[in-house]
Amino acid sequence: MYLPAHFDAADPALAAQLMREHPFASLVTTDEDGFPFVTHLPLVLQGDAGAAAGWTLLGHVARPNPQWKHLQARPQALVTFLGPHGYVSPTVYPDRQRVPTWNYVAVHCRVHATLLPEAEAKDALLKQLIGQHEPPYAQQWRDLGDDYQRRMLAGIAAFSLRVEHWQCKLKLNQHRQEAEAAMRRLHAAQGGAAAGLGAWMDRVGAEG
């Protein structure tokens, strides 16, 4: 992605935090015609947050989704994560010669895929997703019975995505510190998708 030096976050801990706080990602492959194909899905990051070496993303798609076949034929793919984002009005600046922009935080990962066809691997993956998003559901999953579980597992294609390279972009207008206080008030007032930008501004400040 386009990554000016003042928005480049080289700390793997920040990238890992973003991926874990906002695990609903976009997986981008290419189809048989070479056209991009995108699935939006939750992914589980495995590995040490402080060291990107050894990072792996675990996920699955419905078996009718052809993307798993793309990964089988062409294992290299792109995964993107988008964190908080929000509009920035030029009124936050003390001078008038400004234009609107958009603040956001994002991580892009180039990955190499390995399919996980075994039922045991699929079950372990689902349990990690359950543990991340709704731990109390684990007992209900166990109580569904072996036959039902086998049918559900047969209906998904699971995969492991080894992270080969990553970029973390924190576009928070940190090079325009004269507007920081007004920008914080704006993002807080926007709420919704912009609500978390203040915390990321704090993190960038701490890094600086």
N, C-alpha and C. Protein backbone atom coordinates (compact mmCIF):
# COMPACT_ATOMS: atom_id res chain seq x y z
N MET A 1 0.84 -1.19 0.00
CA MET A 1 0.00 0.00 0.00
C MET A 1 0.88 1.24 0.00
N TYR A 2 0.29 2.35 -0.35
CA TYR A 2 1.01 3.62 -0.29
C TYR A 2 1.27 3.95 1.17
N LEU A 3 2.55 4.15 1.51
CA LEU A 3 2.93 4.24 2.92
C LEU A 3 4.00 5.31 3.13
N PRO A 4 3.60 6.59 3.24
CA PRO A 4 4.58 7.63 3.57
C PRO A 4 5.27 7.34 4.89
N ALA A 5 6.50 7.78 5.00
CA ALA A 5 7.32 7.44 6.17
C ALA A 5 6.67 7.88 7.48
N HIS A 6 5.96 9.03 7.49
CA HIS A 6 5.41 9.53 8.75
C HIS A 6 4.16 8.75 9.18
N PHE A 7 3.64 7.85 8.33
CA PHE A 7 2.51 7.01 8.72
C PHE A 7 2.92 5.55 8.87
N ASP A 8 4.18 5.24 8.71
CA ASP A 8 4.68 3.86 8.75
C ASP A 8 4.95 3.45 10.19
N ALA A 9 4.21 2.45 10.67
CA ALA A 9 4.41 1.93 12.03
C ALA A 9 5.20 0.63 11.95
N ALA A 10 6.45 0.68 12.35
CA ALA A 10 7.33 -0.48 12.22
C ALA A 10 7.29 -1.40 13.42
N ASP A 11 6.57 -1.02 14.47
CA ASP A 11 6.52 -1.83 15.69
C ASP A 11 5.54 -2.99 15.48
N PRO A 12 6.00 -4.24 15.49
CA PRO A 12 5.08 -5.36 15.28
C PRO A 12 4.01 -5.46 16.36
N ALA A 13 4.28 -4.96 17.56
CA ALA A 13 3.28 -5.02 18.62
C ALA A 13 2.05 -4.20 18.26
N LEU A 14 2.25 -3.06 17.60
CA LEU A 14 1.12 -2.23 17.17
C LEU A 14 0.32 -2.95 16.09
N ALA A 15 1.02 -3.56 15.13
CA ALA A 15 0.32 -4.29 14.07
C ALA A 15 -0.47 -5.45 14.64
N ALA A 16 0.12 -6.19 15.57
CA ALA A 16 -0.57 -7.33 16.18
C ALA A 16 -1.77 -6.87 16.98
N GLN A 17 -1.63 -5.75 17.68
CA GLN A 17 -2.76 -5.24 18.46
C GLN A 17 -3.92 -4.88 17.55
N LEU A 18 -3.62 -4.24 16.43
CA LEU A 18 -4.69 -3.88 15.49
C LEU A 18 -5.39 -5.12 14.95
N MET A 19 -4.59 -6.14 14.56
CA MET A 19 -5.19 -7.35 14.00
C MET A 19 -6.04 -8.10 15.02
N ARG A 20 -5.65 -8.05 16.29
CA ARG A 20 -6.41 -8.76 17.32
C ARG A 20 -7.63 -7.96 17.77
N GLU A 21 -7.54 -6.65 17.76
CA GLU A 21 -8.69 -5.83 18.13
C GLU A 21 -9.72 -5.75 17.01
N HIS A 22 -9.26 -5.91 15.77
CA HIS A 22 -10.14 -5.80 14.61
C HIS A 22 -9.90 -7.00 13.69
N PRO A 23 -10.33 -8.20 14.12
CA PRO A 23 -9.97 -9.43 13.40
C PRO A 23 -10.78 -9.69 12.14
N PHE A 24 -11.79 -8.85 11.86
CA PHE A 24 -12.61 -9.07 10.65
C PHE A 24 -11.83 -8.51 9.47
N ALA A 25 -11.25 -9.41 8.68
CA ALA A 25 -10.28 -9.04 7.65
C ALA A 25 -10.85 -9.22 6.25
N SER A 26 -10.08 -8.80 5.28
CA SER A 26 -10.37 -9.06 3.87
C SER A 26 -9.25 -9.93 3.30
N LEU A 27 -9.63 -11.08 2.77
CA LEU A 27 -8.69 -12.00 2.13
C LEU A 27 -8.81 -11.82 0.63
N VAL A 28 -7.70 -11.48 -0.01
CA VAL A 28 -7.71 -11.17 -1.44
C VAL A 28 -6.86 -12.20 -2.19
N THR A 29 -7.49 -12.91 -3.11
CA THR A 29 -6.80 -13.85 -3.99
C THR A 29 -7.09 -13.44 -5.43
N THR A 30 -6.62 -14.24 -6.38
CA THR A 30 -6.95 -14.01 -7.79
C THR A 30 -7.66 -15.25 -8.32
N ASP A 31 -8.67 -15.01 -9.16
CA ASP A 31 -9.39 -16.14 -9.73
C ASP A 31 -8.66 -16.66 -10.97
N GLU A 32 -9.31 -17.56 -11.69
CA GLU A 32 -8.67 -18.20 -12.84
C GLU A 32 -8.38 -17.21 -13.97
N ASP A 33 -9.08 -16.08 -13.98
CA ASP A 33 -8.84 -15.05 -14.99
C ASP A 33 -7.86 -13.98 -14.51
N GLY A 34 -7.31 -14.16 -13.32
CA GLY A 34 -6.37 -13.19 -12.79
C GLY A 34 -7.03 -11.98 -12.16
N PHE A 35 -8.36 -12.05 -11.93
CA PHE A 35 -9.07 -10.91 -11.35
C PHE A 35 -9.13 -11.09 -9.83
N PRO A 36 -8.98 -9.99 -9.06
CA PRO A 36 -9.03 -10.11 -7.60
C PRO A 36 -10.36 -10.65 -7.11
N PHE A 37 -10.29 -11.51 -6.10
CA PHE A 37 -11.47 -12.11 -5.47
C PHE A 37 -11.32 -11.87 -3.97
N VAL A 38 -12.37 -11.33 -3.33
CA VAL A 38 -12.28 -10.91 -1.93
C VAL A 38 -13.33 -11.62 -1.08
N THR A 39 -12.89 -12.13 0.07
CA THR A 39 -13.80 -12.64 1.09
C THR A 39 -13.55 -11.86 2.38
N HIS A 40 -14.62 -11.44 3.04
CA HIS A 40 -14.51 -10.76 4.33
C HIS A 40 -14.79 -11.80 5.41
N LEU A 41 -13.85 -11.95 6.35
CA LEU A 41 -13.93 -13.05 7.30
C LEU A 41 -13.10 -12.76 8.54
N PRO A 42 -13.44 -13.39 9.67
CA PRO A 42 -12.60 -13.25 10.87
C PRO A 42 -11.38 -14.16 10.78
N LEU A 43 -10.25 -13.65 11.23
CA LEU A 43 -9.02 -14.42 11.26
C LEU A 43 -8.41 -14.37 12.66
N VAL A 44 -7.75 -15.44 13.03
CA VAL A 44 -7.09 -15.53 14.34
C VAL A 44 -5.58 -15.40 14.13
N LEU A 45 -4.98 -14.42 14.79
CA LEU A 45 -3.53 -14.25 14.71
C LEU A 45 -2.86 -15.12 15.75
N GLN A 46 -1.91 -15.94 15.31
CA GLN A 46 -1.09 -16.74 16.20
C GLN A 46 0.34 -16.24 16.12
N GLY A 47 1.01 -16.20 17.28
CA GLY A 47 2.41 -15.79 17.30
C GLY A 47 2.65 -14.70 18.32
N ASP A 48 3.92 -14.42 18.54
CA ASP A 48 4.35 -13.42 19.51
C ASP A 48 4.07 -12.02 18.97
N ALA A 49 3.29 -11.24 19.71
CA ALA A 49 2.93 -9.89 19.26
C ALA A 49 4.16 -9.01 19.07
N GLY A 50 5.20 -9.24 19.83
CA GLY A 50 6.37 -8.37 19.76
C GLY A 50 7.36 -8.73 18.68
N ALA A 51 7.14 -9.84 17.97
CA ALA A 51 8.08 -10.27 16.94
C ALA A 51 7.29 -10.91 15.81
N ALA A 52 7.28 -10.26 14.64
CA ALA A 52 6.44 -10.71 13.53
C ALA A 52 6.89 -12.06 12.97
N ALA A 53 8.13 -12.44 13.18
CA ALA A 53 8.59 -13.73 12.68
C ALA A 53 7.74 -14.84 13.28
N GLY A 54 7.18 -15.67 12.42
CA GLY A 54 6.37 -16.78 12.90
C GLY A 54 4.90 -16.48 12.99
N TRP A 55 4.45 -15.30 12.56
CA TRP A 55 3.03 -15.00 12.59
C TRP A 55 2.25 -15.88 11.63
N THR A 56 1.09 -16.34 12.07
CA THR A 56 0.19 -17.13 11.24
C THR A 56 -1.23 -16.65 11.48
N LEU A 57 -2.01 -16.62 10.41
CA LEU A 57 -3.42 -16.28 10.49
C LEU A 57 -4.23 -17.53 10.17
N LEU A 58 -5.21 -17.83 11.01
CA LEU A 58 -6.06 -19.00 10.81
C LEU A 58 -7.48 -18.56 10.46
N GLY A 59 -8.08 -19.24 9.48
CA GLY A 59 -9.44 -18.90 9.11
C GLY A 59 -10.09 -19.99 8.27
N HIS A 60 -11.33 -19.73 7.86
CA HIS A 60 -12.02 -20.69 7.01
C HIS A 60 -13.08 -19.96 6.19
N VAL A 61 -13.48 -20.60 5.11
CA VAL A 61 -14.59 -20.12 4.28
C VAL A 61 -15.56 -21.28 4.09
N ALA A 62 -16.77 -20.95 3.67
CA ALA A 62 -17.73 -21.99 3.33
C ALA A 62 -17.20 -22.78 2.13
N ARG A 63 -17.42 -24.07 2.13
CA ARG A 63 -16.85 -24.89 1.06
C ARG A 63 -17.33 -24.48 -0.35
N PRO A 64 -18.57 -24.00 -0.52
CA PRO A 64 -18.96 -23.53 -1.87
C PRO A 64 -18.21 -22.28 -2.33
N ASN A 65 -17.57 -21.57 -1.40
CA ASN A 65 -16.78 -20.39 -1.76
C ASN A 65 -15.54 -20.86 -2.51
N PRO A 66 -15.33 -20.42 -3.77
CA PRO A 66 -14.21 -20.93 -4.56
C PRO A 66 -12.85 -20.44 -4.09
N GLN A 67 -12.82 -19.55 -3.10
CA GLN A 67 -11.53 -18.96 -2.73
C GLN A 67 -10.54 -19.99 -2.20
N TRP A 68 -11.03 -21.02 -1.53
CA TRP A 68 -10.09 -22.02 -1.03
C TRP A 68 -9.38 -22.72 -2.18
N LYS A 69 -10.05 -22.84 -3.33
CA LYS A 69 -9.40 -23.42 -4.50
C LYS A 69 -8.35 -22.47 -5.07
N HIS A 70 -8.61 -21.16 -4.97
CA HIS A 70 -7.59 -20.18 -5.37
C HIS A 70 -6.34 -20.37 -4.52
N LEU A 71 -6.54 -20.53 -3.21
CA LEU A 71 -5.40 -20.70 -2.31
C LEU A 71 -4.65 -21.99 -2.59
N GLN A 72 -5.38 -23.01 -2.98
CA GLN A 72 -4.75 -24.28 -3.32
C GLN A 72 -3.90 -24.16 -4.57
N ALA A 73 -4.41 -23.44 -5.57
CA ALA A 73 -3.70 -23.30 -6.85
C ALA A 73 -2.62 -22.21 -6.81
N ARG A 74 -2.90 -21.14 -6.06
CA ARG A 74 -1.99 -19.99 -6.00
C ARG A 74 -1.89 -19.56 -4.53
N PRO A 75 -0.98 -20.15 -3.78
CA PRO A 75 -0.98 -19.98 -2.32
C PRO A 75 -0.67 -18.57 -1.83
N GLN A 76 -0.04 -17.73 -2.63
CA GLN A 76 0.24 -16.37 -2.15
C GLN A 76 -1.02 -15.52 -2.24
N ALA A 77 -1.27 -14.76 -1.18
CA ALA A 77 -2.48 -13.94 -1.12
C ALA A 77 -2.20 -12.70 -0.28
N LEU A 78 -3.19 -11.83 -0.24
CA LEU A 78 -3.11 -10.59 0.54
C LEU A 78 -4.23 -10.59 1.57
N VAL A 79 -3.89 -10.19 2.80
CA VAL A 79 -4.88 -10.01 3.85
C VAL A 79 -4.80 -8.57 4.34
N THR A 80 -5.95 -7.92 4.48
CA THR A 80 -5.97 -6.56 5.01
C THR A 80 -6.87 -6.48 6.23
N PHE A 81 -6.46 -5.68 7.19
CA PHE A 81 -7.23 -5.39 8.39
C PHE A 81 -7.44 -3.88 8.46
N LEU A 82 -8.66 -3.46 8.74
CA LEU A 82 -8.96 -2.04 8.88
C LEU A 82 -9.47 -1.78 10.29
N GLY A 83 -8.80 -0.86 10.97
CA GLY A 83 -9.22 -0.48 12.30
C GLY A 83 -10.11 0.75 12.28
N PRO A 84 -10.11 1.55 13.35
CA PRO A 84 -10.94 2.74 13.38
C PRO A 84 -10.61 3.70 12.25
N HIS A 85 -11.61 4.43 11.78
CA HIS A 85 -11.39 5.40 10.70
C HIS A 85 -12.45 6.49 10.79
N GLY A 86 -12.11 7.67 10.29
CA GLY A 86 -13.07 8.77 10.36
C GLY A 86 -12.65 9.96 9.52
N TYR A 87 -13.64 10.74 9.13
CA TYR A 87 -13.46 11.94 8.32
C TYR A 87 -12.79 13.04 9.14
N VAL A 88 -11.89 13.79 8.49
CA VAL A 88 -11.23 14.93 9.13
C VAL A 88 -11.61 16.19 8.36
N SER A 89 -12.34 17.06 9.01
CA SER A 89 -12.75 18.32 8.40
C SER A 89 -11.58 19.31 8.41
N PRO A 90 -11.46 20.15 7.38
CA PRO A 90 -10.40 21.17 7.38
C PRO A 90 -10.60 22.21 8.48
N THR A 91 -11.78 22.22 9.11
CA THR A 91 -12.02 23.20 10.17
C THR A 91 -11.22 22.91 11.44
N VAL A 92 -10.58 21.74 11.52
CA VAL A 92 -9.80 21.44 12.72
C VAL A 92 -8.49 22.22 12.74
N TYR A 93 -8.08 22.76 11.60
CA TYR A 93 -6.81 23.47 11.52
C TYR A 93 -7.00 24.95 11.81
N PRO A 94 -5.98 25.58 12.39
CA PRO A 94 -6.10 27.01 12.69
C PRO A 94 -6.07 27.90 11.46
N ASP A 95 -5.50 27.42 10.36
CA ASP A 95 -5.46 28.22 9.14
C ASP A 95 -6.47 27.67 8.14
N ARG A 96 -6.79 28.42 7.09
CA ARG A 96 -7.86 28.07 6.17
C ARG A 96 -7.38 27.27 4.96
N GLN A 97 -6.09 27.27 4.69
CA GLN A 97 -5.59 26.62 3.48
C GLN A 97 -5.40 25.12 3.74
N ARG A 98 -6.50 24.44 3.91
CA ARG A 98 -6.51 23.01 4.19
C ARG A 98 -7.61 22.34 3.38
N VAL A 99 -7.51 21.04 3.23
CA VAL A 99 -8.54 20.27 2.52
C VAL A 99 -8.97 19.10 3.41
N PRO A 100 -10.15 18.53 3.17
CA PRO A 100 -10.59 17.38 3.97
C PRO A 100 -9.69 16.16 3.73
N THR A 101 -9.68 15.27 4.72
CA THR A 101 -8.96 14.00 4.57
C THR A 101 -9.68 12.94 5.41
N TRP A 102 -9.06 11.78 5.52
CA TRP A 102 -9.65 10.67 6.28
C TRP A 102 -8.55 10.03 7.10
N ASN A 103 -8.77 9.87 8.38
CA ASN A 103 -7.82 9.19 9.24
C ASN A 103 -8.20 7.72 9.38
N TYR A 104 -7.20 6.85 9.47
CA TYR A 104 -7.47 5.42 9.61
C TYR A 104 -6.22 4.69 10.05
N VAL A 105 -6.42 3.47 10.53
CA VAL A 105 -5.31 2.58 10.86
C VAL A 105 -5.56 1.25 10.14
N ALA A 106 -4.51 0.68 9.55
CA ALA A 106 -4.67 -0.53 8.75
C ALA A 106 -3.40 -1.36 8.76
N VAL A 107 -3.57 -2.66 8.55
CA VAL A 107 -2.45 -3.59 8.39
C VAL A 107 -2.68 -4.40 7.13
N HIS A 108 -1.64 -4.53 6.32
CA HIS A 108 -1.67 -5.41 5.15
C HIS A 108 -0.63 -6.50 5.34
N CYS A 109 -1.00 -7.73 5.03
CA CYS A 109 -0.09 -8.88 5.16
C CYS A 109 -0.03 -9.66 3.84
N ARG A 110 1.18 -9.89 3.37
CA ARG A 110 1.36 -10.86 2.28
C ARG A 110 1.52 -12.22 2.92
N VAL A 111 0.72 -13.19 2.49
CA VAL A 111 0.67 -14.49 3.16
C VAL A 111 0.86 -15.63 2.18
N HIS A 112 1.25 -16.78 2.73
CA HIS A 112 1.35 -18.02 1.98
C HIS A 112 0.42 -19.03 2.64
N ALA A 113 -0.51 -19.57 1.87
CA ALA A 113 -1.59 -20.39 2.42
C ALA A 113 -1.27 -21.88 2.40
N THR A 114 -1.75 -22.55 3.44
CA THR A 114 -1.75 -24.01 3.52
C THR A 114 -3.16 -24.44 3.92
N LEU A 115 -3.77 -25.32 3.14
CA LEU A 115 -5.10 -25.80 3.49
C LEU A 115 -5.02 -26.79 4.65
N LEU A 116 -6.08 -26.82 5.45
CA LEU A 116 -6.16 -27.70 6.62
C LEU A 116 -7.38 -28.61 6.44
N PRO A 117 -7.23 -29.71 5.70
CA PRO A 117 -8.40 -30.53 5.38
C PRO A 117 -8.85 -31.45 6.50
N GLU A 118 -7.99 -31.72 7.48
CA GLU A 118 -8.34 -32.69 8.52
C GLU A 118 -9.40 -32.12 9.46
N ALA A 119 -10.32 -32.97 9.86
CA ALA A 119 -11.40 -32.55 10.75
C ALA A 119 -10.85 -32.03 12.08
N GLU A 120 -9.78 -32.67 12.57
CA GLU A 120 -9.21 -32.24 13.84
C GLU A 120 -8.67 -30.82 13.76
N ALA A 121 -8.02 -30.50 12.65
CA ALA A 121 -7.48 -29.15 12.48
C ALA A 121 -8.59 -28.12 12.36
N LYS A 122 -9.66 -28.48 11.64
CA LYS A 122 -10.80 -27.57 11.53
C LYS A 122 -11.45 -27.33 12.89
N ASP A 123 -11.60 -28.40 13.65
CA ASP A 123 -12.22 -28.29 14.97
C ASP A 123 -11.38 -27.40 15.88
N ALA A 124 -10.06 -27.57 15.83
CA ALA A 124 -9.18 -26.74 16.65
C ALA A 124 -9.28 -25.27 16.25
N LEU A 125 -9.39 -25.03 14.95
CA LEU A 125 -9.52 -23.66 14.46
C LEU A 125 -10.83 -23.03 14.95
N LEU A 126 -11.93 -23.78 14.83
CA LEU A 126 -13.22 -23.25 15.29
C LEU A 126 -13.19 -22.96 16.78
N LYS A 127 -12.51 -23.80 17.54
CA LYS A 127 -12.45 -23.58 18.99
C LYS A 127 -11.64 -22.32 19.32
N GLN A 128 -10.65 -22.01 18.49
CA GLN A 128 -9.91 -20.77 18.70
C GLN A 128 -10.78 -19.56 18.40
N LEU A 129 -11.59 -19.64 17.34
CA LEU A 129 -12.51 -18.56 17.02
C LEU A 129 -13.55 -18.39 18.14
N ILE A 130 -14.07 -19.50 18.63
CA ILE A 130 -15.03 -19.45 19.73
C ILE A 130 -14.38 -18.82 20.96
N GLY A 131 -13.15 -19.25 21.26
CA GLY A 131 -12.45 -18.72 22.42
C GLY A 131 -12.19 -17.23 22.31
N GLN A 132 -12.03 -16.74 21.10
CA GLN A 132 -11.75 -15.32 20.90
C GLN A 132 -13.03 -14.48 20.97
N HIS A 133 -14.14 -15.02 20.48
CA HIS A 133 -15.33 -14.20 20.32
C HIS A 133 -16.47 -14.54 21.28
N GLU A 134 -16.61 -15.81 21.70
CA GLU A 134 -17.71 -16.17 22.59
C GLU A 134 -17.38 -17.45 23.35
N PRO A 135 -16.50 -17.36 24.33
CA PRO A 135 -16.08 -18.58 25.06
C PRO A 135 -17.23 -19.41 25.61
N PRO A 136 -18.32 -18.81 26.12
CA PRO A 136 -19.40 -19.66 26.66
C PRO A 136 -20.04 -20.58 25.63
N TYR A 137 -19.88 -20.25 24.32
CA TYR A 137 -20.47 -21.11 23.29
C TYR A 137 -19.75 -22.44 23.16
N ALA A 138 -18.55 -22.54 23.72
CA ALA A 138 -17.75 -23.78 23.57
C ALA A 138 -18.51 -25.00 24.06
N GLN A 139 -19.21 -24.85 25.19
CA GLN A 139 -19.95 -25.99 25.72
C GLN A 139 -21.10 -26.36 24.80
N GLN A 140 -21.78 -25.37 24.24
CA GLN A 140 -22.88 -25.67 23.32
C GLN A 140 -22.37 -26.40 22.08
N TRP A 141 -21.19 -26.00 21.59
CA TRP A 141 -20.59 -26.68 20.43
C TRP A 141 -20.30 -28.15 20.78
N ARG A 142 -19.75 -28.39 21.96
CA ARG A 142 -19.45 -29.76 22.37
C ARG A 142 -20.72 -30.59 22.50
N ASP A 143 -21.81 -29.95 22.93
CA ASP A 143 -23.06 -30.67 23.17
C ASP A 143 -23.84 -30.97 21.89
N LEU A 144 -23.40 -30.44 20.76
CA LEU A 144 -24.15 -30.64 19.52
C LEU A 144 -24.06 -32.07 19.00
N GLY A 145 -23.05 -32.80 19.46
CA GLY A 145 -22.92 -34.20 19.05
C GLY A 145 -21.97 -34.38 17.89
N ASP A 146 -21.37 -35.57 17.82
CA ASP A 146 -20.35 -35.84 16.82
C ASP A 146 -20.88 -35.77 15.39
N ASP A 147 -22.06 -36.31 15.14
CA ASP A 147 -22.59 -36.32 13.78
C ASP A 147 -22.80 -34.90 13.27
N TYR A 148 -23.40 -34.06 14.08
CA TYR A 148 -23.65 -32.68 13.67
C TYR A 148 -22.33 -31.95 13.45
N GLN A 149 -21.38 -32.14 14.36
CA GLN A 149 -20.09 -31.49 14.22
C GLN A 149 -19.40 -31.92 12.93
N ARG A 150 -19.46 -33.20 12.61
CA ARG A 150 -18.82 -33.68 11.37
C ARG A 150 -19.45 -33.02 10.15
N ARG A 151 -20.77 -32.88 10.15
CA ARG A 151 -21.44 -32.23 9.01
C ARG A 151 -21.01 -30.77 8.89
N MET A 152 -20.94 -30.09 10.02
CA MET A 152 -20.54 -28.68 9.99
C MET A 152 -19.09 -28.53 9.53
N LEU A 153 -18.22 -29.40 10.03
CA LEU A 153 -16.81 -29.32 9.64
C LEU A 153 -16.63 -29.66 8.16
N ALA A 154 -17.45 -30.57 7.64
CA ALA A 154 -17.35 -30.91 6.22
C ALA A 154 -17.79 -29.76 5.33
N GLY A 155 -18.53 -28.81 5.89
CA GLY A 155 -19.04 -27.70 5.10
C GLY A 155 -18.12 -26.50 5.02
N ILE A 156 -16.92 -26.59 5.63
CA ILE A 156 -15.99 -25.46 5.56
C ILE A 156 -14.65 -25.92 4.99
N ALA A 157 -13.92 -24.95 4.47
CA ALA A 157 -12.54 -25.16 4.03
C ALA A 157 -11.66 -24.28 4.91
N ALA A 158 -10.80 -24.89 5.69
CA ALA A 158 -9.96 -24.17 6.64
C ALA A 158 -8.56 -24.01 6.09
N PHE A 159 -7.86 -23.00 6.58
CA PHE A 159 -6.50 -22.74 6.07
C PHE A 159 -5.67 -22.00 7.10
N SER A 160 -4.38 -22.15 6.94
CA SER A 160 -3.38 -21.42 7.71
C SER A 160 -2.66 -20.48 6.75
N LEU A 161 -2.51 -19.22 7.14
CA LEU A 161 -1.87 -18.21 6.29
C LEU A 161 -0.60 -17.73 6.98
N ARG A 162 0.56 -18.16 6.47
CA ARG A 162 1.83 -17.73 7.05
C ARG A 162 2.16 -16.32 6.57
N VAL A 163 2.37 -15.42 7.51
CA VAL A 163 2.67 -14.03 7.16
C VAL A 163 4.12 -13.92 6.71
N GLU A 164 4.30 -13.53 5.45
CA GLU A 164 5.64 -13.38 4.89
C GLU A 164 6.15 -11.94 4.97
N HIS A 165 5.22 -11.00 4.94
CA HIS A 165 5.59 -9.57 5.00
C HIS A 165 4.36 -8.80 5.47
N TRP A 166 4.57 -7.74 6.23
CA TRP A 166 3.44 -6.95 6.70
C TRP A 166 3.79 -5.47 6.69
N GLN A 167 2.76 -4.66 6.59
CA GLN A 167 2.87 -3.21 6.70
C GLN A 167 1.76 -2.72 7.62
N CYS A 168 2.08 -1.76 8.46
CA CYS A 168 1.09 -1.17 9.35
C CYS A 168 1.08 0.34 9.11
N LYS A 169 -0.07 0.85 8.72
CA LYS A 169 -0.22 2.28 8.43
C LYS A 169 -1.13 2.91 9.47
N LEU A 170 -0.60 3.90 10.18
CA LEU A 170 -1.36 4.66 11.16
C LEU A 170 -1.46 6.09 10.64
N LYS A 171 -2.51 6.36 9.88
CA LYS A 171 -2.70 7.70 9.30
C LYS A 171 -3.55 8.51 10.27
N LEU A 172 -2.89 9.23 11.14
CA LEU A 172 -3.56 9.98 12.20
C LEU A 172 -3.18 11.45 12.15
N ASN A 173 -2.66 11.88 11.00
CA ASN A 173 -2.21 13.27 10.83
C ASN A 173 -1.24 13.68 11.94
N GLN A 174 -0.41 12.69 12.33
CA GLN A 174 0.54 12.97 13.40
C GLN A 174 1.60 13.99 12.99
N HIS A 175 1.70 14.29 11.69
CA HIS A 175 2.61 15.33 11.22
C HIS A 175 1.95 16.71 11.25
N ARG A 176 0.70 16.79 11.76
CA ARG A 176 -0.03 18.06 11.87
C ARG A 176 -0.44 18.25 13.33
N GLN A 177 0.52 18.36 14.21
CA GLN A 177 0.23 18.37 15.63
C GLN A 177 -0.55 19.60 16.08
N GLU A 178 -0.54 20.66 15.27
CA GLU A 178 -1.26 21.87 15.66
C GLU A 178 -2.77 21.65 15.71
N ALA A 179 -3.25 20.56 15.09
CA ALA A 179 -4.69 20.27 15.05
C ALA A 179 -5.06 19.09 15.93
N GLU A 180 -4.15 18.56 16.73
CA GLU A 180 -4.40 17.31 17.44
C GLU A 180 -5.62 17.39 18.36
N ALA A 181 -5.70 18.44 19.17
CA ALA A 181 -6.80 18.54 20.14
C ALA A 181 -8.15 18.62 19.43
N ALA A 182 -8.23 19.42 18.38
CA ALA A 182 -9.49 19.54 17.64
C ALA A 182 -9.83 18.24 16.93
N MET A 183 -8.83 17.54 16.45
CA MET A 183 -9.06 16.27 15.76
C MET A 183 -9.60 15.22 16.73
N ARG A 184 -9.09 15.21 17.94
CA ARG A 184 -9.59 14.27 18.95
C ARG A 184 -11.06 14.55 19.24
N ARG A 185 -11.41 15.82 19.38
CA ARG A 185 -12.81 16.17 19.66
C ARG A 185 -13.71 15.76 18.50
N LEU A 186 -13.22 15.95 17.28
CA LEU A 186 -14.01 15.59 16.11
C LEU A 186 -14.26 14.09 16.06
N HIS A 187 -13.22 13.30 16.24
CA HIS A 187 -13.39 11.84 16.17
C HIS A 187 -14.26 11.34 17.31
N ALA A 188 -14.15 11.92 18.49
CA ALA A 188 -15.01 11.51 19.61
C ALA A 188 -16.47 11.83 19.30
N ALA A 189 -16.71 12.99 18.68
CA ALA A 189 -18.08 13.38 18.34
C ALA A 189 -18.66 12.49 17.25
N GLN A 190 -17.81 12.03 16.34
CA GLN A 190 -18.29 11.18 15.25
C GLN A 190 -18.78 9.84 15.77
N GLY A 191 -18.11 9.31 16.80
CA GLY A 191 -18.48 8.01 17.32
C GLY A 191 -18.31 6.93 16.27
N GLY A 192 -19.00 5.81 16.44
CA GLY A 192 -18.98 4.74 15.46
C GLY A 192 -17.57 4.32 15.09
N ALA A 193 -17.32 4.26 13.78
CA ALA A 193 -16.04 3.77 13.27
C ALA A 193 -14.87 4.65 13.68
N ALA A 194 -15.14 5.92 14.03
CA ALA A 194 -14.06 6.84 14.39
C ALA A 194 -13.74 6.82 15.87
N ALA A 195 -14.57 6.17 16.66
CA ALA A 195 -14.49 6.29 18.11
C ALA A 195 -13.14 5.86 18.67
N GLY A 196 -12.49 4.88 18.07
CA GLY A 196 -11.24 4.36 18.62
C GLY A 196 -10.00 5.10 18.17
N LEU A 197 -10.14 6.14 17.34
CA LEU A 197 -8.96 6.81 16.81
C LEU A 197 -8.18 7.55 17.89
N GLY A 198 -8.87 8.05 18.90
CA GLY A 198 -8.17 8.74 19.98
C GLY A 198 -7.18 7.83 20.69
N ALA A 199 -7.58 6.58 20.93
CA ALA A 199 -6.68 5.63 21.59
C ALA A 199 -5.45 5.37 20.72
N TRP A 200 -5.66 5.30 19.41
CA TRP A 200 -4.51 5.09 18.52
C TRP A 200 -3.63 6.33 18.46
N MET A 201 -4.20 7.51 18.58
CA MET A 201 -3.37 8.72 18.66
C MET A 201 -2.51 8.69 19.91
N ASP A 202 -3.09 8.17 21.01
CA ASP A 202 -2.31 8.02 22.24
C ASP A 202 -1.15 7.04 22.04
N ARG A 203 -1.43 5.93 21.36
CA ARG A 203 -0.39 4.93 21.13
C ARG A 203 0.73 5.49 20.28
N VAL A 204 0.37 6.23 19.24
CA VAL A 204 1.40 6.83 18.38
C VAL A 204 2.22 7.84 19.17
N GLY A 205 1.54 8.60 20.04
CA GLY A 205 2.26 9.55 20.87
C GLY A 205 3.23 8.87 21.81
N ALA A 206 2.79 7.72 22.36
CA ALA A 206 3.66 6.97 23.28
C ALA A 206 4.86 6.42 22.53
N GLU A 207 4.63 5.97 21.27
CA GLU A 207 5.73 5.45 20.47
C GLU A 207 6.73 6.55 20.16
N GLY A 208 6.19 7.75 19.89
CA GLY A 208 7.06 8.87 19.55
C GLY A 208 7.89 9.31 20.73
